[in-house]
Amino acid sequence: MSEYLARLRHFTTCDISDGLLNLYGITNGGYFPNLVRRSGSGTIVGRAFPVLFGHKNATQDKPSVNYIDNVPAESIVTIGMTEDLQLSSAPYTKPIQGMYGGLMSTRAKYLGSHGTVVFGRIRDIEEHKALDHSVFSYGIGTCAPKAVLKPISYNCELKIKISDGTTETINPGDYLVCDDHGMVRIPTAAVDLDKLITYIEKSIEADDLVSQDIKEGKPAAQSQSERRAILKQYL
């Protein structure tokens, strides 16, 4: 595993969000809401391998692409739809078909992928669980996508509509961290990873001391002010 992935896997998504908020002023902490873990456990990290699906009838000029045999090792397969198929409120996607199934997880895991995130529906829940392959999605379904949807591009930019009315972009190679909270994206082009990781490590150390103080009866506000003062030198 690459150095940065090995270091990031020790953090939770909350740790990452705190670092992105405090260091870079990223107001959402890199968090993509409304994803639910369907299989796997623990924290997974990887580089984004984006895959774009479009409506079959609206993309007749674009052939279906074979993304699953091109999944890079240490990646997180990140599947989204064209913006016309997305919704900003539940269920966050118009199609009811599953975009990703058990055979896809079988191939992705064999190729060394660390997990899959689907901004849409998936199917074959029990197969993902049996593989112990971490899969996150907006929802679930039963029907294959081929009558309505097809993959039209991969290793491409993904535009994701967020429920607060904004749109976020996931780029190939962005670092992704996922756990039971969902997914946080570290925008690689805008973030110094060494600086971010150092800050998070120091922040965790400070909060461990705050927790210890509170258990011993010290007021939380006082302890936070004192213990977190050291973090200013890492900003």
Protein backbone atom coordinates (compact mmCIF):
# COMPACT_ATOMS: atom_id res chain seq x y z
CA MET A 1 0.00 0.00 0.00
CA SER A 2 1.27 3.47 -0.85
CA GLU A 3 2.56 5.66 1.96
CA TYR A 4 -0.34 8.12 2.02
CA LEU A 5 -2.99 5.41 1.92
CA ALA A 6 -1.28 3.57 4.76
CA ARG A 7 -1.24 6.73 6.88
CA LEU A 8 -4.79 7.79 6.05
CA ARG A 9 -6.30 4.41 6.94
CA HIS A 10 -5.61 5.12 10.64
CA PHE A 11 -8.10 8.01 10.63
CA THR A 12 -11.88 8.14 10.67
CA THR A 13 -13.89 10.19 8.19
CA CYS A 14 -14.59 12.59 11.08
CA ASP A 15 -10.85 13.08 11.60
CA ILE A 16 -10.41 13.86 7.90
CA SER A 17 -13.32 16.31 7.87
CA ASP A 18 -11.94 18.17 10.88
CA GLY A 19 -8.61 18.56 9.13
CA LEU A 20 -10.14 19.76 5.84
CA LEU A 21 -12.38 22.24 7.68
CA ASN A 22 -9.74 23.66 10.00
CA LEU A 23 -6.80 23.72 7.59
CA TYR A 24 -8.46 24.51 4.29
CA GLY A 25 -11.81 26.01 5.19
CA ILE A 26 -13.70 23.30 3.30
CA THR A 27 -17.08 23.88 4.90
CA ASN A 28 -18.49 20.40 4.31
CA GLY A 29 -15.27 18.71 5.40
CA GLY A 30 -15.14 16.81 2.12
CA TYR A 31 -18.22 14.80 3.12
CA PHE A 32 -20.64 13.35 0.57
CA PRO A 33 -23.96 12.81 2.40
CA ASN A 34 -26.66 10.15 2.12
CA LEU A 35 -24.43 7.18 1.23
CA VAL A 36 -25.11 4.02 3.24
CA ARG A 37 -22.66 1.20 3.86
CA ARG A 38 -24.04 -2.05 2.43
CA SER A 39 -21.11 -4.42 3.09
CA GLY A 40 -17.62 -4.61 4.52
CA SER A 41 -16.33 -3.06 7.74
CA GLY A 42 -13.74 -0.69 9.11
CA THR A 43 -12.08 2.21 7.34
CA ILE A 44 -11.17 1.89 3.67
CA VAL A 45 -8.96 4.29 1.73
CA GLY A 46 -8.11 4.52 -1.95
CA ARG A 47 -7.71 6.72 -5.01
CA ALA A 48 -10.93 7.55 -6.84
CA PHE A 49 -11.54 5.59 -10.04
CA PRO A 50 -14.59 7.45 -11.37
CA VAL A 51 -17.12 5.77 -13.66
CA LEU A 52 -19.91 7.70 -15.38
CA PHE A 53 -23.27 6.16 -16.33
CA GLY A 54 -25.78 7.79 -18.67
CA HIS A 55 -29.29 7.04 -19.89
CA LYS A 56 -29.17 4.52 -22.72
CA ASN A 57 -31.43 6.57 -25.01
CA ALA A 58 -29.71 9.89 -24.35
CA THR A 59 -26.21 8.57 -25.03
CA GLN A 60 -26.73 6.67 -28.27
CA ASP A 61 -23.63 8.32 -29.73
CA LYS A 62 -21.49 6.92 -26.92
CA PRO A 63 -20.66 3.20 -26.77
CA SER A 64 -20.83 1.32 -23.51
CA VAL A 65 -17.38 1.10 -21.92
CA ASN A 66 -15.80 -1.83 -20.07
CA TYR A 67 -14.68 -0.17 -16.86
CA ILE A 68 -14.60 -3.17 -14.57
CA ASP A 69 -11.62 -4.83 -16.26
CA ASN A 70 -9.65 -1.60 -15.98
CA VAL A 71 -9.97 -1.01 -12.24
CA PRO A 72 -6.59 0.01 -10.75
CA ALA A 73 -5.18 -1.59 -7.62
CA GLU A 74 -5.68 0.42 -4.41
CA SER A 75 -8.57 2.32 -5.98
CA ILE A 76 -12.11 2.93 -4.86
CA VAL A 77 -14.51 2.42 -7.75
CA THR A 78 -16.66 5.57 -7.72
CA ILE A 79 -19.80 5.36 -9.84
CA GLY A 80 -22.03 8.30 -10.68
CA MET A 81 -24.63 9.35 -13.24
CA THR A 82 -24.98 12.25 -15.63
CA GLU A 83 -26.48 15.23 -13.83
CA ASP A 84 -29.87 14.92 -15.57
CA LEU A 85 -30.39 11.59 -13.76
CA GLN A 86 -29.56 12.94 -10.32
CA LEU A 87 -31.88 14.40 -7.68
CA SER A 88 -30.92 16.81 -4.88
CA SER A 89 -33.38 15.17 -2.48
CA ALA A 90 -34.22 11.57 -1.59
CA PRO A 91 -33.87 9.11 -3.27
CA TYR A 92 -31.12 11.24 -4.97
CA THR A 93 -31.33 9.35 -8.25
CA LYS A 94 -34.11 8.92 -10.81
CA PRO A 95 -33.45 5.38 -12.14
CA ILE A 96 -34.58 2.46 -9.99
CA GLN A 97 -32.17 0.00 -11.63
CA GLY A 98 -29.10 -1.23 -9.80
CA MET A 99 -25.89 0.10 -11.38
CA TYR A 100 -23.52 -2.33 -9.68
CA GLY A 101 -23.75 -5.98 -8.62
CA GLY A 102 -21.94 -8.91 -7.12
CA LEU A 103 -19.94 -9.91 -10.19
CA MET A 104 -18.56 -6.38 -10.38
CA SER A 105 -17.37 -6.58 -6.77
CA THR A 106 -15.82 -9.97 -7.47
CA ARG A 107 -13.76 -8.53 -10.34
CA ALA A 108 -12.91 -5.27 -8.55
CA LYS A 109 -11.66 -7.10 -5.48
CA TYR A 110 -9.56 -9.49 -7.59
CA LEU A 111 -7.91 -6.49 -9.25
CA GLY A 112 -7.01 -5.00 -5.88
CA SER A 113 -9.71 -2.38 -5.43
CA HIS A 114 -10.29 -1.35 -1.82
CA GLY A 115 -14.03 -0.75 -2.21
CA THR A 116 -16.85 0.78 -4.23
CA VAL A 117 -19.02 3.87 -3.86
CA VAL A 118 -22.19 4.16 -5.98
CA PHE A 119 -24.13 7.41 -6.19
CA GLY A 120 -27.20 5.40 -7.14
CA ARG A 121 -28.57 1.93 -6.48
CA ILE A 122 -26.80 -1.42 -6.17
CA ARG A 123 -28.00 -5.02 -6.07
CA ASP A 124 -26.76 -8.47 -4.88
CA ILE A 125 -26.25 -7.35 -1.29
CA GLU A 126 -25.45 -10.83 0.00
CA GLU A 127 -22.71 -11.30 -2.60
CA HIS A 128 -20.94 -8.11 -1.55
CA LYS A 129 -21.17 -9.22 2.07
CA ALA A 130 -19.83 -12.70 1.30
CA LEU A 131 -16.85 -11.11 -0.47
CA ASP A 132 -16.29 -8.75 2.49
CA HIS A 133 -15.93 -6.01 -0.12
CA SER A 134 -16.91 -2.57 1.16
CA VAL A 135 -19.74 -1.11 -0.92
CA PHE A 136 -21.60 2.16 -0.28
CA SER A 137 -24.66 3.42 -2.16
CA TYR A 138 -27.67 5.73 -2.06
CA GLY A 139 -30.08 2.83 -2.36
CA ILE A 140 -30.69 -0.75 -3.45
CA GLY A 141 -32.55 -2.36 -6.33
CA THR A 142 -33.13 -5.69 -8.02
CA CYS A 143 -33.01 -5.04 -11.76
CA ALA A 144 -29.89 -4.88 -13.92
CA PRO A 145 -29.26 -1.48 -15.56
CA LYS A 146 -28.93 -2.51 -19.22
CA ALA A 147 -32.43 -1.54 -20.37
CA VAL A 148 -32.04 2.01 -19.08
CA LEU A 149 -28.42 2.82 -18.15
CA LYS A 150 -24.95 2.15 -19.47
CA PRO A 151 -21.40 3.13 -18.47
CA ILE A 152 -20.22 5.76 -20.96
CA SER A 153 -16.86 6.85 -19.52
CA TYR A 154 -14.32 6.04 -16.82
CA ASN A 155 -11.31 7.69 -15.22
CA CYS A 156 -13.26 10.90 -15.79
CA GLU A 157 -14.63 13.81 -13.79
CA LEU A 158 -17.85 13.15 -11.84
CA LYS A 159 -20.30 15.92 -10.96
CA ILE A 160 -22.39 14.98 -7.91
CA LYS A 161 -25.46 16.95 -6.82
CA ILE A 162 -25.52 17.40 -3.05
CA SER A 163 -28.68 17.69 -0.95
CA ASP A 164 -27.73 21.22 0.19
CA GLY A 165 -28.11 22.43 -3.40
CA THR A 166 -24.43 22.47 -4.30
CA THR A 167 -22.57 20.30 -6.79
CA GLU A 168 -19.23 18.66 -5.95
CA THR A 169 -16.64 17.32 -8.40
CA ILE A 170 -14.73 14.08 -7.90
CA ASN A 171 -11.57 13.84 -10.00
CA PRO A 172 -9.57 10.73 -10.89
CA GLY A 173 -6.96 10.09 -8.23
CA ASP A 174 -8.65 12.06 -5.44
CA TYR A 175 -8.09 10.35 -2.10
CA LEU A 176 -11.25 8.82 -0.64
CA VAL A 177 -11.77 7.67 2.94
CA CYS A 178 -14.89 5.67 3.82
CA ASP A 179 -16.26 4.16 7.03
CA ASP A 180 -19.63 3.75 8.71
CA HIS A 181 -20.23 7.52 8.43
CA GLY A 182 -19.98 7.35 4.63
CA MET A 183 -17.38 8.94 2.34
CA VAL A 184 -15.01 11.89 2.58
CA ARG A 185 -13.05 13.12 -0.45
CA ILE A 186 -9.65 14.80 -0.19
CA PRO A 187 -9.24 16.99 -3.29
CA THR A 188 -5.70 16.03 -4.24
CA ALA A 189 -4.96 19.10 -6.34
CA ALA A 190 -5.84 21.51 -3.51
CA VAL A 191 -4.45 19.78 -0.42
CA ASP A 192 -0.94 19.22 0.93
CA LEU A 193 -1.30 15.66 2.22
CA ASP A 194 1.75 15.77 4.49
CA LYS A 195 0.44 18.92 6.16
CA LEU A 196 -3.08 17.51 6.46
CA ILE A 197 -1.94 14.22 7.96
CA THR A 198 0.37 15.93 10.47
CA TYR A 199 -2.43 18.25 11.57
CA ILE A 200 -4.86 15.37 12.01
CA GLU A 201 -2.35 13.38 14.06
CA LYS A 202 -1.77 16.34 16.39
CA SER A 203 -5.50 17.02 16.59
CA ILE A 204 -6.20 13.43 17.65
CA GLU A 205 -3.49 13.65 20.31
CA ALA A 206 -5.04 16.85 21.66
CA ASP A 207 -8.55 15.42 21.73
CA ASP A 208 -7.35 12.29 23.53
CA LEU A 209 -6.05 14.58 26.27
CA VAL A 210 -9.35 16.51 26.30
CA SER A 211 -11.23 13.24 26.74
CA GLN A 212 -8.97 12.27 29.62
CA ASP A 213 -9.47 15.68 31.26
CA ILE A 214 -13.25 15.47 30.98
CA LYS A 215 -13.28 12.00 32.53
CA GLU A 216 -11.36 13.45 35.46
CA GLY A 217 -13.92 16.22 35.94
CA LYS A 218 -12.33 19.16 34.11
CA PRO A 219 -14.75 21.48 32.28
CA ALA A 220 -14.85 20.65 28.56
CA ALA A 221 -14.50 24.25 27.35
CA GLN A 222 -11.44 24.85 29.49
CA SER A 223 -9.75 21.62 28.46
CA GLN A 224 -10.45 22.17 24.76
CA SER A 225 -9.00 25.66 24.92
CA GLU A 226 -5.85 24.50 26.67
CA ARG A 227 -5.19 21.23 24.86
CA ARG A 228 -5.97 22.48 21.36
CA ALA A 229 -3.81 25.60 21.63
CA ILE A 230 -0.88 23.61 20.23
CA LEU A 231 -2.73 23.10 16.94
CA LYS A 232 -2.31 26.76 15.98
CA GLN A 233 1.30 26.13 15.00
CA TYR A 234 0.16 23.57 12.40
CA LEU A 235 -2.34 25.84 10.67
